[in-house]
C-alpha atoms as a PDB file:
ATOM      1  CA  UNK A   1      -7.696 -15.052  -2.141  1.00  0.00           C
ATOM      2  CA  UNK A   2      -4.573 -16.331  -3.901  1.00  0.00           C
ATOM      3  CA  UNK A   3      -1.333 -14.422  -3.543  1.00  0.00           C
ATOM      4  CA  UNK A   4      -0.729 -12.492  -6.754  1.00  0.00           C
ATOM      5  CA  UNK A   5       2.917 -11.910  -5.905  1.00  0.00           C
ATOM      6  CA  UNK A   6       2.278  -8.184  -6.194  1.00  0.00           C
ATOM      7  CA  UNK A   7       3.764  -5.873  -3.604  1.00  0.00           C
ATOM      8  CA  UNK A   8       3.183  -2.215  -2.748  1.00  0.00           C
ATOM      9  CA  UNK A   9       4.820   0.065  -0.214  1.00  0.00           C
ATOM     10  CA  UNK A  10       3.099   2.584   2.030  1.00  0.00           C
ATOM     11  CA  UNK A  11       4.493   4.966   4.622  1.00  0.00           C
ATOM     12  CA  UNK A  12       2.718   5.462   7.950  1.00  0.00           C
ATOM     13  CA  UNK A  13       3.885   8.234  10.282  1.00  0.00           C
ATOM     14  CA  UNK A  14       2.772   8.202  13.921  1.00  0.00           C
ATOM     15  CA  UNK A  15       2.579  11.498  15.846  1.00  0.00           C
ATOM     16  CA  UNK A  16       1.236  12.674  19.189  1.00  0.00           C
ATOM     17  CA  UNK A  17       2.354  13.933  22.579  1.00  0.00           C
ATOM     18  CA  UNK A  18       5.370  12.391  24.268  1.00  0.00           C
ATOM     19  CA  UNK A  19       4.553   9.312  26.380  1.00  0.00           C
ATOM     20  CA  UNK A  20       1.079   8.890  24.857  1.00  0.00           C
ATOM     21  CA  UNK A  21       1.894   5.326  23.735  1.00  0.00           C
ATOM     22  CA  UNK A  22       3.047   5.689  20.112  1.00  0.00           C
ATOM     23  CA  UNK A  23       6.096   3.448  20.443  1.00  0.00           C
ATOM     24  CA  UNK A  24       4.133   0.710  22.236  1.00  0.00           C
ATOM     25  CA  UNK A  25       1.476   0.863  19.501  1.00  0.00           C
ATOM     26  CA  UNK A  26       4.119   0.331  16.823  1.00  0.00           C
ATOM     27  CA  UNK A  27       6.120  -2.291  18.723  1.00  0.00           C
ATOM     28  CA  UNK A  28       2.993  -4.295  19.546  1.00  0.00           C
ATOM     29  CA  UNK A  29       1.904  -4.216  15.901  1.00  0.00           C
ATOM     30  CA  UNK A  30       5.383  -5.051  14.596  1.00  0.00           C
ATOM     31  CA  UNK A  31       6.226  -7.784  17.131  1.00  0.00           C
ATOM     32  CA  UNK A  32       2.722  -9.104  17.809  1.00  0.00           C
ATOM     33  CA  UNK A  33       3.012  -8.534  21.556  1.00  0.00           C
ATOM     34  CA  UNK A  34       3.436  -5.716  24.038  1.00  0.00           C
ATOM     35  CA  UNK A  35       7.101  -4.853  24.715  1.00  0.00           C
ATOM     36  CA  UNK A  36       7.311  -5.838  28.388  1.00  0.00           C
ATOM     37  CA  UNK A  37      10.912  -4.633  28.636  1.00  0.00           C
ATOM     38  CA  UNK A  38      10.098  -1.128  27.441  1.00  0.00           C
ATOM     39  CA  UNK A  39      10.917   1.650  29.882  1.00  0.00           C
ATOM     40  CA  UNK A  40       9.919   5.127  28.794  1.00  0.00           C
ATOM     41  CA  UNK A  41      12.749   6.645  26.818  1.00  0.00           C
ATOM     42  CA  UNK A  42      11.635   9.444  24.515  1.00  0.00           C
ATOM     43  CA  UNK A  43      11.879   8.400  20.888  1.00  0.00           C
ATOM     44  CA  UNK A  44      13.817  10.765  18.684  1.00  0.00           C
ATOM     45  CA  UNK A  45      13.157   8.999  15.416  1.00  0.00           C
ATOM     46  CA  UNK A  46      12.664   5.330  14.610  1.00  0.00           C
ATOM     47  CA  UNK A  47      11.661   3.475  11.466  1.00  0.00           C
ATOM     48  CA  UNK A  48      10.726  -0.173  11.038  1.00  0.00           C
ATOM     49  CA  UNK A  49       9.054  -2.193   8.302  1.00  0.00           C
ATOM     50  CA  UNK A  50       6.263  -4.744   8.521  1.00  0.00           C
ATOM     51  CA  UNK A  51       4.763  -6.651   5.612  1.00  0.00           C
ATOM     52  CA  UNK A  52       1.118  -7.670   5.714  1.00  0.00           C
ATOM     53  CA  UNK A  53      -0.964  -9.775   3.369  1.00  0.00           C
ATOM     54  CA  UNK A  54      -3.783  -7.755   1.841  1.00  0.00           C
ATOM     55  CA  UNK A  55      -6.265  -8.588  -0.940  1.00  0.00           C
ATOM     56  CA  UNK A  56      -4.021 -11.258  -2.427  1.00  0.00           C
ATOM     57  CA  UNK A  57      -0.858  -9.159  -2.398  1.00  0.00           C
ATOM     58  CA  UNK A  58       1.632  -7.789   0.082  1.00  0.00           C
ATOM     59  CA  UNK A  59       1.703  -4.318   1.560  1.00  0.00           C
ATOM     60  CA  UNK A  60       5.063  -3.323   2.979  1.00  0.00           C
ATOM     61  CA  UNK A  61       4.462  -0.724   5.660  1.00  0.00           C
ATOM     62  CA  UNK A  62       7.205   1.713   6.569  1.00  0.00           C
ATOM     63  CA  UNK A  63       6.335   2.630  10.165  1.00  0.00           C
ATOM     64  CA  UNK A  64       7.779   5.958  11.323  1.00  0.00           C
ATOM     65  CA  UNK A  65       7.805   6.582  15.073  1.00  0.00           C
ATOM     66  CA  UNK A  66       8.333  10.237  15.967  1.00  0.00           C
ATOM     67  CA  UNK A  67       9.140  12.275  19.054  1.00  0.00           C
ATOM     68  CA  UNK A  68       6.293  14.196  20.623  1.00  0.00           C
ATOM     69  CA  UNK A  69       8.430  16.560  22.667  1.00  0.00           C
ATOM     70  CA  UNK A  70       8.892  20.147  21.439  1.00  0.00           C
ATOM     71  CA  UNK A  71      12.676  19.716  21.599  1.00  0.00           C
ATOM     72  CA  UNK A  72      12.401  17.425  18.575  1.00  0.00           C
ATOM     73  CA  UNK A  73      10.015  19.486  16.407  1.00  0.00           C
ATOM     74  CA  UNK A  74      12.688  20.110  13.760  1.00  0.00           C
ATOM     75  CA  UNK A  75      13.591  16.431  13.531  1.00  0.00           C
ATOM     76  CA  UNK A  76       9.990  15.233  13.446  1.00  0.00           C
ATOM     77  CA  UNK A  77       9.117  17.247  10.359  1.00  0.00           C
ATOM     78  CA  UNK A  78      11.634  15.144   8.407  1.00  0.00           C
ATOM     79  CA  UNK A  79       9.301  12.162   8.812  1.00  0.00           C
ATOM     80  CA  UNK A  80       6.391  13.738   6.931  1.00  0.00           C
ATOM     81  CA  UNK A  81       7.551  13.804   3.274  1.00  0.00           C
ATOM     82  CA  UNK A  82       5.859  11.088   1.199  1.00  0.00           C
ATOM     83  CA  UNK A  83       3.676   9.943   4.107  1.00  0.00           C
ATOM     84  CA  UNK A  84       0.635   8.024   2.912  1.00  0.00           C
ATOM     85  CA  UNK A  85      -1.083   7.963   6.306  1.00  0.00           C
ATOM     86  CA  UNK A  86      -0.487   9.921   9.493  1.00  0.00           C
ATOM     87  CA  UNK A  87      -1.840   8.438  12.708  1.00  0.00           C
ATOM     88  CA  UNK A  88      -2.491  11.295  15.133  1.00  0.00           C
ATOM     89  CA  UNK A  89      -2.482   9.732  18.599  1.00  0.00           C
ATOM     90  CA  UNK A  90      -3.625  10.708  22.069  1.00  0.00           C
ATOM     91  CA  UNK A  91      -3.840   8.878  25.375  1.00  0.00           C
ATOM     92  CA  UNK A  92      -7.188   8.539  27.164  1.00  0.00           C
ATOM     93  CA  UNK A  93      -5.507   9.204  30.519  1.00  0.00           C
ATOM     94  CA  UNK A  94      -4.010  12.581  29.542  1.00  0.00           C
ATOM     95  CA  UNK A  95      -6.754  15.088  28.786  1.00  0.00           C
ATOM     96  CA  UNK A  96      -4.291  17.593  27.317  1.00  0.00           C
ATOM     97  CA  UNK A  97      -3.171  15.056  24.716  1.00  0.00           C
ATOM     98  CA  UNK A  98      -6.573  15.302  23.000  1.00  0.00           C
ATOM     99  CA  UNK A  99      -6.524  19.105  23.200  1.00  0.00           C
ATOM    100  CA  UNK A 100      -3.074  19.030  21.584  1.00  0.00           C
ATOM    101  CA  UNK A 101      -4.451  16.987  18.680  1.00  0.00           C
ATOM    102  CA  UNK A 102      -6.532  19.987  17.701  1.00  0.00           C
ATOM    103  CA  UNK A 103      -4.104  22.742  18.706  1.00  0.00           C
ATOM    104  CA  UNK A 104      -0.769  21.227  17.611  1.00  0.00           C
ATOM    105  CA  UNK A 105      -0.824  17.906  15.811  1.00  0.00           C
ATOM    106  CA  UNK A 106      -3.514  18.320  13.192  1.00  0.00           C
ATOM    107  CA  UNK A 107      -2.274  21.781  12.086  1.00  0.00           C
ATOM    108  CA  UNK A 108       1.281  20.401  11.828  1.00  0.00           C
ATOM    109  CA  UNK A 109       0.121  17.384   9.822  1.00  0.00           C
ATOM    110  CA  UNK A 110      -2.050  19.500   7.509  1.00  0.00           C
ATOM    111  CA  UNK A 111       0.939  21.752   6.809  1.00  0.00           C
ATOM    112  CA  UNK A 112       3.718  19.152   6.552  1.00  0.00           C
ATOM    113  CA  UNK A 113       1.840  16.186   5.024  1.00  0.00           C
ATOM    114  CA  UNK A 114      -1.071  17.797   3.215  1.00  0.00           C
ATOM    115  CA  UNK A 115      -1.563  14.856   0.829  1.00  0.00           C
ATOM    116  CA  UNK A 116      -1.570  12.168   3.514  1.00  0.00           C
ATOM    117  CA  UNK A 117      -4.683  10.508   4.851  1.00  0.00           C
ATOM    118  CA  UNK A 118      -5.111  11.212   8.565  1.00  0.00           C
ATOM    119  CA  UNK A 119      -6.672   9.099  11.299  1.00  0.00           C
ATOM    120  CA  UNK A 120      -7.223   9.895  14.992  1.00  0.00           C
ATOM    121  CA  UNK A 121      -6.139   7.058  17.305  1.00  0.00           C
ATOM    122  CA  UNK A 122      -6.962   6.803  21.020  1.00  0.00           C
ATOM    123  CA  UNK A 123      -4.308   4.855  22.923  1.00  0.00           C
ATOM    124  CA  UNK A 124      -4.287   3.138  26.338  1.00  0.00           C
ATOM    125  CA  UNK A 125      -8.043   2.493  26.374  1.00  0.00           C
ATOM    126  CA  UNK A 126      -7.423  -0.245  28.969  1.00  0.00           C
ATOM    127  CA  UNK A 127      -6.841   2.542  31.511  1.00  0.00           C
ATOM    128  CA  UNK A 128     -10.545   3.422  31.442  1.00  0.00           C
ATOM    129  CA  UNK A 129     -11.199   0.362  33.603  1.00  0.00           C
ATOM    130  CA  UNK A 130      -8.064   0.583  35.753  1.00  0.00           C
ATOM    131  CA  UNK A 131      -8.997   1.858  39.254  1.00  0.00           C
ATOM    132  CA  UNK A 132      -5.486   3.139  40.016  1.00  0.00           C
ATOM    133  CA  UNK A 133      -5.272   5.017  36.707  1.00  0.00           C
ATOM    134  CA  UNK A 134      -8.759   6.431  37.214  1.00  0.00           C
ATOM    135  CA  UNK A 135      -7.832   7.698  40.675  1.00  0.00           C
ATOM    136  CA  UNK A 136      -4.738   9.387  39.227  1.00  0.00           C
ATOM    137  CA  UNK A 137      -6.734  10.946  36.357  1.00  0.00           C
ATOM    138  CA  UNK A 138      -9.353  12.175  38.822  1.00  0.00           C
ATOM    139  CA  UNK A 139      -6.648  13.827  40.961  1.00  0.00           C
ATOM    140  CA  UNK A 140      -4.952  15.426  37.944  1.00  0.00           C
ATOM    141  CA  UNK A 141      -7.993  16.591  36.002  1.00  0.00           C
ATOM    142  CA  UNK A 142     -10.989  16.380  38.369  1.00  0.00           C
ATOM    143  CA  UNK A 143     -12.679  14.045  35.899  1.00  0.00           C
ATOM    144  CA  UNK A 144     -12.406  10.531  34.468  1.00  0.00           C
ATOM    145  CA  UNK A 145     -10.478   9.374  31.390  1.00  0.00           C
ATOM    146  CA  UNK A 146     -11.372  10.568  27.915  1.00  0.00           C
ATOM    147  CA  UNK A 147     -14.375   8.696  26.534  1.00  0.00           C
ATOM    148  CA  UNK A 148     -15.056   7.098  23.169  1.00  0.00           C
ATOM    149  CA  UNK A 149     -17.626   9.833  22.524  1.00  0.00           C
ATOM    150  CA  UNK A 150     -15.075  12.613  23.156  1.00  0.00           C
ATOM    151  CA  UNK A 151     -12.601  11.075  20.721  1.00  0.00           C
ATOM    152  CA  UNK A 152     -15.287  10.442  18.120  1.00  0.00           C
ATOM    153  CA  UNK A 153     -16.545  14.027  18.478  1.00  0.00           C
ATOM    154  CA  UNK A 154     -13.019  15.409  17.937  1.00  0.00           C
ATOM    155  CA  UNK A 155     -12.501  13.205  14.869  1.00  0.00           C
ATOM    156  CA  UNK A 156     -15.854  14.245  13.428  1.00  0.00           C
ATOM    157  CA  UNK A 157     -15.007  17.926  13.988  1.00  0.00           C
ATOM    158  CA  UNK A 158     -11.710  17.397  12.139  1.00  0.00           C
ATOM    159  CA  UNK A 159     -13.311  15.310   9.388  1.00  0.00           C
ATOM    160  CA  UNK A 160     -11.129  12.250   9.915  1.00  0.00           C
ATOM    161  CA  UNK A 161     -11.722   8.599  10.905  1.00  0.00           C
ATOM    162  CA  UNK A 162     -11.401   7.491  14.529  1.00  0.00           C
ATOM    163  CA  UNK A 163     -10.284   4.248  16.148  1.00  0.00           C
ATOM    164  CA  UNK A 164      -9.275   3.161  19.658  1.00  0.00           C
ATOM    165  CA  UNK A 165      -6.800   0.553  20.873  1.00  0.00           C
ATOM    166  CA  UNK A 166      -4.756  -0.791  23.765  1.00  0.00           C
ATOM    167  CA  UNK A 167      -1.198  -1.952  23.156  1.00  0.00           C
ATOM    168  CA  UNK A 168      -0.810  -3.628  26.548  1.00  0.00           C
ATOM    169  CA  UNK A 169      -3.936  -5.744  25.899  1.00  0.00           C
ATOM    170  CA  UNK A 170      -3.152  -6.036  22.157  1.00  0.00           C
ATOM    171  CA  UNK A 171      -6.722  -4.865  21.594  1.00  0.00           C
ATOM    172  CA  UNK A 172      -7.604  -3.478  18.127  1.00  0.00           C
ATOM    173  CA  UNK A 173      -3.922  -2.929  17.249  1.00  0.00           C
ATOM    174  CA  UNK A 174      -4.149  -4.739  13.909  1.00  0.00           C
ATOM    175  CA  UNK A 175      -7.431  -2.921  13.191  1.00  0.00           C
ATOM    176  CA  UNK A 176      -5.620   0.429  13.371  1.00  0.00           C
ATOM    177  CA  UNK A 177      -3.199  -0.567  10.638  1.00  0.00           C
ATOM    178  CA  UNK A 178      -5.765  -2.408   8.536  1.00  0.00           C
ATOM    179  CA  UNK A 179      -7.923   0.716   8.540  1.00  0.00           C
ATOM    180  CA  UNK A 180      -4.864   2.780   7.566  1.00  0.00           C
ATOM    181  CA  UNK A 181      -4.099   0.402   4.690  1.00  0.00           C
ATOM    182  CA  UNK A 182      -7.741   0.484   3.574  1.00  0.00           C
ATOM    183  CA  UNK A 183      -7.435   4.270   3.309  1.00  0.00           C
ATOM    184  CA  UNK A 184      -4.498   4.181   0.883  1.00  0.00           C
ATOM    185  CA  UNK A 185      -4.463   0.864  -0.984  1.00  0.00           C
ATOM    186  CA  UNK A 186      -6.992   0.448  -3.763  1.00  0.00           C
ATOM    187  CA  UNK A 187      -8.705  -2.949  -3.632  1.00  0.00           C
ATOM    188  CA  UNK A 188      -7.921  -3.399  -7.344  1.00  0.00           C
ATOM    189  CA  UNK A 189      -4.214  -2.745  -6.866  1.00  0.00           C
ATOM    190  CA  UNK A 190      -3.529  -6.471  -6.580  1.00  0.00           C
ATOM    191  CA  UNK A 191      -5.865  -7.606  -9.349  1.00  0.00           C
ATOM    192  CA  UNK A 192      -4.135  -9.822 -11.917  1.00  0.00           C
ATOM    193  CA  UNK A 193      -3.683  -8.081 -15.246  1.00  0.00           C
END
């Protein structure tokens, strides 16, 4: 499809427990590769922009990375105004992170960004096949990592779409953001007048 020269902006806010992989998701999408140099430093607030070609036009995505720790609850709520999409994230290796989606994140999103589209995103799916990670998960929770079916069931119960990805393997990262764009950009938005 030919580029129409048309451009739209959309705001995507990413929330979830601390250390669940939100920053790596965004950095891998923005830079096209996993940030090998990234040591875990809790994000307080970070915003970057990435433009993508879509249906003959350009969508400029404002990507808002937020802190998952309770200490930053007051700062995080400043990210929600005018959000088009909120990605509610959890990590398959931390069982509590999926519980917190239901108990903390979705209620917060529904209150603070009631007009935004919401999508549930499972992160670190590569850990399902990592023997060392599985041993750790088994010790911590007396079970294996969260499954696709568990994530899908939670999303269905909340009435929102579900997708899974791995930043370290760059697996389905672009699909996450394409699905988000599909939720909030009308296919006719770039049609020539």
